[in-house]
């Protein structure tokens, strides 16, 4: 039987749309519009819920033209 090692590095949990909204200081409706137009930070569905990878949100924000 093979052993599997688990990294000791803590993994940051996924963000909800409300958490992304608070982080970016924008309404959740804006995030829904961006997702519909495919211009916002990448999100994926877990069941019926949208989830965001915090690292991907930060990378999107860093690459966004201001």
Protein backbone atom coordinates (compact mmCIF):
# COMPACT_ATOMS: atom_id res chain seq x y z
CA UNK A 1 0.00 0.00 0.00
CA UNK A 2 1.39 3.40 -1.01
CA UNK A 3 1.62 6.24 1.47
CA UNK A 4 0.42 9.70 0.63
CA UNK A 5 2.11 12.71 2.17
CA UNK A 6 0.07 15.76 3.04
CA UNK A 7 1.62 19.18 2.76
CA UNK A 8 2.07 21.08 6.01
CA UNK A 9 1.27 24.34 4.22
CA UNK A 10 -2.16 25.63 5.24
CA UNK A 11 -4.59 25.92 2.36
CA UNK A 12 -6.78 29.00 2.22
CA UNK A 13 -10.44 28.13 1.83
CA UNK A 14 -12.59 29.15 -1.10
CA UNK A 15 -14.43 32.46 -0.98
CA UNK A 16 -18.16 32.95 -1.37
CA UNK A 17 -19.54 35.69 -3.59
CA UNK A 18 -20.21 37.78 -0.48
CA UNK A 19 -16.57 37.47 0.60
CA UNK A 20 -15.32 38.49 -2.86
CA UNK A 21 -17.77 41.37 -2.85
CA UNK A 22 -16.41 42.57 0.50
CA UNK A 23 -12.79 42.10 -0.61
CA UNK A 24 -13.29 44.08 -3.83
CA UNK A 25 -15.75 46.50 -2.16
CA UNK A 26 -18.34 46.11 -4.92
CA UNK A 27 -21.95 44.87 -4.90
CA UNK A 28 -22.62 41.17 -5.44
CA UNK A 29 -24.82 42.16 -8.40
CA UNK A 30 -21.69 43.48 -10.13
CA UNK A 31 -19.97 40.12 -9.68
CA UNK A 32 -22.98 38.33 -11.16
CA UNK A 33 -22.95 40.73 -14.14
CA UNK A 34 -19.21 40.25 -14.64
CA UNK A 35 -19.63 36.47 -14.53
CA UNK A 36 -22.42 36.67 -17.11
CA UNK A 37 -20.22 38.85 -19.37
CA UNK A 38 -17.11 36.76 -18.53
CA UNK A 39 -15.02 39.76 -17.50
CA UNK A 40 -14.60 39.33 -13.73
CA UNK A 41 -12.45 37.08 -11.59
CA UNK A 42 -12.79 33.37 -12.36
CA UNK A 43 -15.43 31.51 -10.39
CA UNK A 44 -16.74 27.99 -10.40
CA UNK A 45 -19.82 26.27 -9.12
CA UNK A 46 -19.84 23.87 -6.20
CA UNK A 47 -23.30 22.43 -6.33
CA UNK A 48 -25.56 25.47 -6.68
CA UNK A 49 -23.07 27.89 -5.17
CA UNK A 50 -20.38 30.09 -6.70
CA UNK A 51 -16.92 29.81 -5.19
CA UNK A 52 -13.76 31.78 -5.86
CA UNK A 53 -10.12 30.84 -5.35
CA UNK A 54 -8.64 33.73 -3.33
CA UNK A 55 -5.32 33.48 -5.19
CA UNK A 56 -7.13 33.71 -8.55
CA UNK A 57 -9.11 36.75 -7.37
CA UNK A 58 -5.90 38.47 -6.26
CA UNK A 59 -4.17 37.58 -9.55
CA UNK A 60 -7.14 38.90 -11.54
CA UNK A 61 -7.08 42.13 -9.53
CA UNK A 62 -3.33 42.54 -10.07
CA UNK A 63 -3.71 42.05 -13.82
CA UNK A 64 -6.81 44.27 -14.17
CA UNK A 65 -6.30 47.49 -16.06
CA UNK A 66 -7.01 50.45 -13.83
